[in-house]
Amino acid sequence: MTPPPWTISHWFNAPAPVTLESLRGRAVLAVAFQMLCPGCVSQGLPQAQKARATFREDDLAVIGLHTVFEHHEAQGSVAALGAFLHEYRIKFPVGIDAQEGGMPVTMRAYGMRGTPTTLLYDRAGNLRMHQFGHVEDMALGASIVAAMASDAPIDAGAASTGGVCGPDGCEP
């Protein structure tokens, strides 16, 4: 099954728009986040930065998806996200999930429960993991290696955690 495309209104840290098709041949780790989500700032984004530092870019693309579903005035501007990415030294590509009717389009297309949400695709572009809340580092690392192998089954081994902007994540 082909996963839905990302619907992005603006890209950071990318010379051109990034698509799943353009990343074919590499495993892809995409982390949906909000900059005012405690679980995203303390767990999701640092974990994505660790993955970026651990795996070769030829093997794993790391992408951020800023999926704003609350506090639009505070975190919905391009300038605010640009400052956030600079302050947290996030260098991998980050796309702002386009809004439609007050909800992020990609978030809705994937049926995400909230942030952080981890999406992991194999080299062929198949969605192998869709996990709300924190995924344990070892489980995510094993899943990334399996996605890079493209033919091994994925099992995150971690249950979803979080709540309405609790320490592990935010739900709409």
C-alpha atoms as a PDB file:
ATOM      1  CA  MET A   1       0.000   0.000   0.000  1.00  0.00           C
ATOM      2  CA  THR A   2       1.372   3.394  -0.981  1.00  0.00           C
ATOM      3  CA  PRO A   3       1.334   5.848   1.934  1.00  0.00           C
ATOM      4  CA  PRO A   4      -0.251   9.264   1.406  1.00  0.00           C
ATOM      5  CA  PRO A   5       2.059  12.072   0.293  1.00  0.00           C
ATOM      6  CA  TRP A   6       3.070  14.799   2.705  1.00  0.00           C
ATOM      7  CA  THR A   7       1.242  18.096   2.084  1.00  0.00           C
ATOM      8  CA  ILE A   8       3.771  20.763   3.007  1.00  0.00           C
ATOM      9  CA  SER A   9       3.372  24.557   2.824  1.00  0.00           C
ATOM     10  CA  HIS A  10       7.028  25.464   3.526  1.00  0.00           C
ATOM     11  CA  TRP A  11      10.357  23.622   3.819  1.00  0.00           C
ATOM     12  CA  PHE A  12      13.365  24.424   6.021  1.00  0.00           C
ATOM     13  CA  ASN A  13      16.871  22.979   5.593  1.00  0.00           C
ATOM     14  CA  ALA A  14      16.084  21.696   2.107  1.00  0.00           C
ATOM     15  CA  PRO A  15      17.097  23.216  -1.246  1.00  0.00           C
ATOM     16  CA  ALA A  16      13.881  21.910  -2.855  1.00  0.00           C
ATOM     17  CA  PRO A  17      10.617  20.338  -1.671  1.00  0.00           C
ATOM     18  CA  VAL A  18      11.141  16.871  -0.206  1.00  0.00           C
ATOM     19  CA  THR A  19       8.805  14.035  -1.180  1.00  0.00           C
ATOM     20  CA  LEU A  20       8.651  10.367  -0.323  1.00  0.00           C
ATOM     21  CA  GLU A  21       9.318   9.644  -3.994  1.00  0.00           C
ATOM     22  CA  SER A  22      12.485  11.765  -3.944  1.00  0.00           C
ATOM     23  CA  LEU A  23      13.729   9.744  -0.958  1.00  0.00           C
ATOM     24  CA  ARG A  24      13.107   6.333  -2.543  1.00  0.00           C
ATOM     25  CA  GLY A  25      16.126   4.067  -2.035  1.00  0.00           C
ATOM     26  CA  ARG A  26      16.686   5.231   1.539  1.00  0.00           C
ATOM     27  CA  ALA A  27      14.794   4.411   4.698  1.00  0.00           C
ATOM     28  CA  VAL A  28      12.958   7.490   5.971  1.00  0.00           C
ATOM     29  CA  LEU A  29      12.324   8.502   9.570  1.00  0.00           C
ATOM     30  CA  ALA A  30       9.724  11.271   9.771  1.00  0.00           C
ATOM     31  CA  VAL A  31       8.820  12.800  13.119  1.00  0.00           C
ATOM     32  CA  ALA A  32       5.603  14.802  13.358  1.00  0.00           C
ATOM     33  CA  PHE A  33       5.965  17.431  16.080  1.00  0.00           C
ATOM     34  CA  GLN A  34       4.841  20.755  17.458  1.00  0.00           C
ATOM     35  CA  MET A  35       7.369  23.139  18.924  1.00  0.00           C
ATOM     36  CA  LEU A  36       5.180  23.673  22.025  1.00  0.00           C
ATOM     37  CA  CYS A  37       4.739  19.936  22.678  1.00  0.00           C
ATOM     38  CA  PRO A  38       6.786  18.872  25.724  1.00  0.00           C
ATOM     39  CA  GLY A  39       7.217  15.275  24.507  1.00  0.00           C
ATOM     40  CA  CYS A  40       8.361  16.493  21.103  1.00  0.00           C
ATOM     41  CA  VAL A  41      10.991  18.830  22.528  1.00  0.00           C
ATOM     42  CA  SER A  42      12.281  16.435  25.198  1.00  0.00           C
ATOM     43  CA  GLN A  43      12.034  13.134  23.307  1.00  0.00           C
ATOM     44  CA  GLY A  44      10.878  13.155  19.672  1.00  0.00           C
ATOM     45  CA  LEU A  45      13.220  15.763  18.197  1.00  0.00           C
ATOM     46  CA  PRO A  46      16.324  14.772  20.187  1.00  0.00           C
ATOM     47  CA  GLN A  47      15.735  11.174  19.100  1.00  0.00           C
ATOM     48  CA  ALA A  48      15.488  12.265  15.455  1.00  0.00           C
ATOM     49  CA  GLN A  49      18.746  14.201  15.869  1.00  0.00           C
ATOM     50  CA  LYS A  50      20.400  11.073  17.322  1.00  0.00           C
ATOM     51  CA  ALA A  51      19.164   9.015  14.375  1.00  0.00           C
ATOM     52  CA  ARG A  52      20.543  11.637  11.968  1.00  0.00           C
ATOM     53  CA  ALA A  53      23.927  11.484  13.726  1.00  0.00           C
ATOM     54  CA  THR A  54      23.971   7.667  13.923  1.00  0.00           C
ATOM     55  CA  PHE A  55      23.028   6.538  10.407  1.00  0.00           C
ATOM     56  CA  ARG A  56      24.522   7.529   7.056  1.00  0.00           C
ATOM     57  CA  GLU A  57      22.382   9.945   5.039  1.00  0.00           C
ATOM     58  CA  ASP A  58      22.619   7.553   2.071  1.00  0.00           C
ATOM     59  CA  ASP A  59      20.838   4.949   4.208  1.00  0.00           C
ATOM     60  CA  LEU A  60      18.410   7.030   6.298  1.00  0.00           C
ATOM     61  CA  ALA A  61      16.688  10.326   5.598  1.00  0.00           C
ATOM     62  CA  VAL A  62      15.424  12.130   8.708  1.00  0.00           C
ATOM     63  CA  ILE A  63      12.518  14.522   8.211  1.00  0.00           C
ATOM     64  CA  GLY A  64      10.541  16.725  10.584  1.00  0.00           C
ATOM     65  CA  LEU A  65       6.853  17.434   9.986  1.00  0.00           C
ATOM     66  CA  HIS A  66       5.610  20.437  11.975  1.00  0.00           C
ATOM     67  CA  THR A  67       1.958  19.482  12.470  1.00  0.00           C
ATOM     68  CA  VAL A  68       0.291  22.349  14.321  1.00  0.00           C
ATOM     69  CA  PHE A  69      -3.182  21.551  15.633  1.00  0.00           C
ATOM     70  CA  GLU A  70      -3.247  23.922  18.626  1.00  0.00           C
ATOM     71  CA  HIS A  71      -1.890  27.313  19.672  1.00  0.00           C
ATOM     72  CA  HIS A  72      -1.751  28.388  16.007  1.00  0.00           C
ATOM     73  CA  GLU A  73      -0.933  31.993  16.868  1.00  0.00           C
ATOM     74  CA  ALA A  74       2.134  31.037  18.917  1.00  0.00           C
ATOM     75  CA  GLN A  75       3.644  28.328  16.737  1.00  0.00           C
ATOM     76  CA  GLY A  76       2.002  28.645  13.337  1.00  0.00           C
ATOM     77  CA  SER A  77       4.329  31.172  11.696  1.00  0.00           C
ATOM     78  CA  VAL A  78       7.280  30.421   9.448  1.00  0.00           C
ATOM     79  CA  ALA A  79       9.408  32.893  11.443  1.00  0.00           C
ATOM     80  CA  ALA A  80       8.617  31.226  14.787  1.00  0.00           C
ATOM     81  CA  LEU A  81       9.493  27.771  13.492  1.00  0.00           C
ATOM     82  CA  GLY A  82      12.652  29.080  11.834  1.00  0.00           C
ATOM     83  CA  ALA A  83      13.824  30.536  15.156  1.00  0.00           C
ATOM     84  CA  PHE A  84      12.948  27.293  16.969  1.00  0.00           C
ATOM     85  CA  LEU A  85      14.913  25.177  14.496  1.00  0.00           C
ATOM     86  CA  HIS A  86      17.896  27.510  14.816  1.00  0.00           C
ATOM     87  CA  GLU A  87      17.832  27.493  18.634  1.00  0.00           C
ATOM     88  CA  TYR A  88      17.543  23.695  18.832  1.00  0.00           C
ATOM     89  CA  ARG A  89      20.144  23.233  16.055  1.00  0.00           C
ATOM     90  CA  ILE A  90      17.864  21.082  13.935  1.00  0.00           C
ATOM     91  CA  LYS A  91      19.611  20.670  10.596  1.00  0.00           C
ATOM     92  CA  PHE A  92      17.537  17.966   8.891  1.00  0.00           C
ATOM     93  CA  PRO A  93      14.697  19.001   6.534  1.00  0.00           C
ATOM     94  CA  VAL A  94      11.527  20.169   8.276  1.00  0.00           C
ATOM     95  CA  GLY A  95       8.246  20.787   6.495  1.00  0.00           C
ATOM     96  CA  ILE A  96       5.264  22.724   7.804  1.00  0.00           C
ATOM     97  CA  ASP A  97       2.180  20.538   7.410  1.00  0.00           C
ATOM     98  CA  ALA A  98      -0.329  22.536   5.329  1.00  0.00           C
ATOM     99  CA  GLN A  99      -3.495  23.615   7.123  1.00  0.00           C
ATOM    100  CA  GLU A 100      -7.031  22.958   5.944  1.00  0.00           C
ATOM    101  CA  GLY A 101      -9.950  23.817   8.197  1.00  0.00           C
ATOM    102  CA  GLY A 102      -7.661  24.368  11.183  1.00  0.00           C
ATOM    103  CA  MET A 103      -6.103  20.890  11.017  1.00  0.00           C
ATOM    104  CA  PRO A 104      -2.848  19.753   9.412  1.00  0.00           C
ATOM    105  CA  VAL A 105      -3.494  17.945   6.108  1.00  0.00           C
ATOM    106  CA  THR A 106      -0.769  15.303   6.461  1.00  0.00           C
ATOM    107  CA  MET A 107      -1.750  14.632  10.064  1.00  0.00           C
ATOM    108  CA  ARG A 108      -5.319  13.980   8.961  1.00  0.00           C
ATOM    109  CA  ALA A 109      -4.271  11.864   5.942  1.00  0.00           C
ATOM    110  CA  TYR A 110      -2.231   9.571   8.205  1.00  0.00           C
ATOM    111  CA  GLY A 111      -4.800   9.475  11.003  1.00  0.00           C
ATOM    112  CA  MET A 112      -2.251  10.711  13.535  1.00  0.00           C
ATOM    113  CA  ARG A 113      -3.497  10.865  17.121  1.00  0.00           C
ATOM    114  CA  GLY A 114      -1.160  13.685  18.118  1.00  0.00           C
ATOM    115  CA  THR A 115       2.476  14.621  18.522  1.00  0.00           C
ATOM    116  CA  PRO A 116       5.070  13.288  18.535  1.00  0.00           C
ATOM    117  CA  THR A 117       4.266  10.689  15.919  1.00  0.00           C
ATOM    118  CA  THR A 118       7.008   8.600  14.352  1.00  0.00           C
ATOM    119  CA  LEU A 119       6.647   7.428  10.757  1.00  0.00           C
ATOM    120  CA  LEU A 120       9.218   4.996   9.406  1.00  0.00           C
ATOM    121  CA  TYR A 121       9.359   3.995   5.743  1.00  0.00           C
ATOM    122  CA  ASP A 122      11.538   1.324   4.160  1.00  0.00           C
ATOM    123  CA  ARG A 123      13.741   1.858   1.104  1.00  0.00           C
ATOM    124  CA  ALA A 124      10.843   1.014  -1.219  1.00  0.00           C
ATOM    125  CA  GLY A 125       8.675   3.740   0.335  1.00  0.00           C
ATOM    126  CA  ASN A 126       6.390   1.426   2.326  1.00  0.00           C
ATOM    127  CA  LEU A 127       5.199   2.713   5.684  1.00  0.00           C
ATOM    128  CA  ARG A 128       6.634   0.274   8.241  1.00  0.00           C
ATOM    129  CA  MET A 129       5.877   2.134  11.509  1.00  0.00           C
ATOM    130  CA  HIS A 130       3.228   4.628  12.584  1.00  0.00           C
ATOM    131  CA  GLN A 131       3.675   5.260  16.300  1.00  0.00           C
ATOM    132  CA  PHE A 132       2.169   7.945  18.515  1.00  0.00           C
ATOM    133  CA  GLY A 133       4.225   8.920  21.555  1.00  0.00           C
ATOM    134  CA  HIS A 134       7.746   8.014  22.476  1.00  0.00           C
ATOM    135  CA  VAL A 135       9.402   4.974  20.895  1.00  0.00           C
ATOM    136  CA  GLU A 136      12.243   3.579  22.994  1.00  0.00           C
ATOM    137  CA  ASP A 137      15.666   4.285  21.454  1.00  0.00           C
ATOM    138  CA  MET A 138      16.724   0.648  21.116  1.00  0.00           C
ATOM    139  CA  ALA A 139      13.396  -0.350  19.564  1.00  0.00           C
ATOM    140  CA  LEU A 140      13.560   2.542  17.094  1.00  0.00           C
ATOM    141  CA  GLY A 141      17.169   1.748  16.196  1.00  0.00           C
ATOM    142  CA  ALA A 142      16.268  -1.883  15.518  1.00  0.00           C
ATOM    143  CA  SER A 143      13.287  -0.798  13.428  1.00  0.00           C
ATOM    144  CA  ILE A 144      15.442   1.602  11.407  1.00  0.00           C
ATOM    145  CA  VAL A 145      17.972  -1.136  10.665  1.00  0.00           C
ATOM    146  CA  ALA A 146      15.140  -3.456   9.593  1.00  0.00           C
ATOM    147  CA  ALA A 147      13.643  -0.723   7.381  1.00  0.00           C
ATOM    148  CA  MET A 148      17.033  -0.215   5.758  1.00  0.00           C
ATOM    149  CA  ALA A 149      17.118  -3.972   5.075  1.00  0.00           C
ATOM    150  CA  SER A 150      13.644  -3.513   3.474  1.00  0.00           C
ATOM    151  CA  ASP A 151      12.598  -7.137   3.836  1.00  0.00           C
ATOM    152  CA  ALA A 152      12.622  -7.682   7.611  1.00  0.00           C
ATOM    153  CA  PRO A 153       9.389  -7.252   9.594  1.00  0.00           C
ATOM    154  CA  ILE A 154       9.100  -4.157  11.761  1.00  0.00           C
ATOM    155  CA  ASP A 155       8.017  -4.368  15.401  1.00  0.00           C
ATOM    156  CA  ALA A 156       8.516  -1.212  17.442  1.00  0.00           C
ATOM    157  CA  GLY A 157       8.114  -3.116  20.673  1.00  0.00           C
ATOM    158  CA  ALA A 158       6.825   0.010  22.367  1.00  0.00           C
ATOM    159  CA  ALA A 159       3.356   1.068  23.389  1.00  0.00           C
ATOM    160  CA  SER A 160       1.992   4.532  22.720  1.00  0.00           C
ATOM    161  CA  THR A 161       2.276   6.954  25.581  1.00  0.00           C
ATOM    162  CA  GLY A 162       1.135  10.482  26.057  1.00  0.00           C
ATOM    163  CA  GLY A 163      -1.969  12.483  26.606  1.00  0.00           C
ATOM    164  CA  VAL A 164      -3.245  15.954  26.133  1.00  0.00           C
ATOM    165  CA  CYS A 165       0.140  17.713  26.110  1.00  0.00           C
ATOM    166  CA  GLY A 166       1.561  15.525  28.842  1.00  0.00           C
ATOM    167  CA  PRO A 167       5.274  14.868  29.178  1.00  0.00           C
ATOM    168  CA  ASP A 168       5.244  12.288  26.365  1.00  0.00           C
ATOM    169  CA  GLY A 169       3.102  14.008  23.748  1.00  0.00           C
ATOM    170  CA  CYS A 170       0.098  16.075  22.764  1.00  0.00           C
ATOM    171  CA  GLU A 171      -3.263  14.915  21.436  1.00  0.00           C
ATOM    172  CA  PRO A 172      -5.865  17.105  19.768  1.00  0.00           C
END
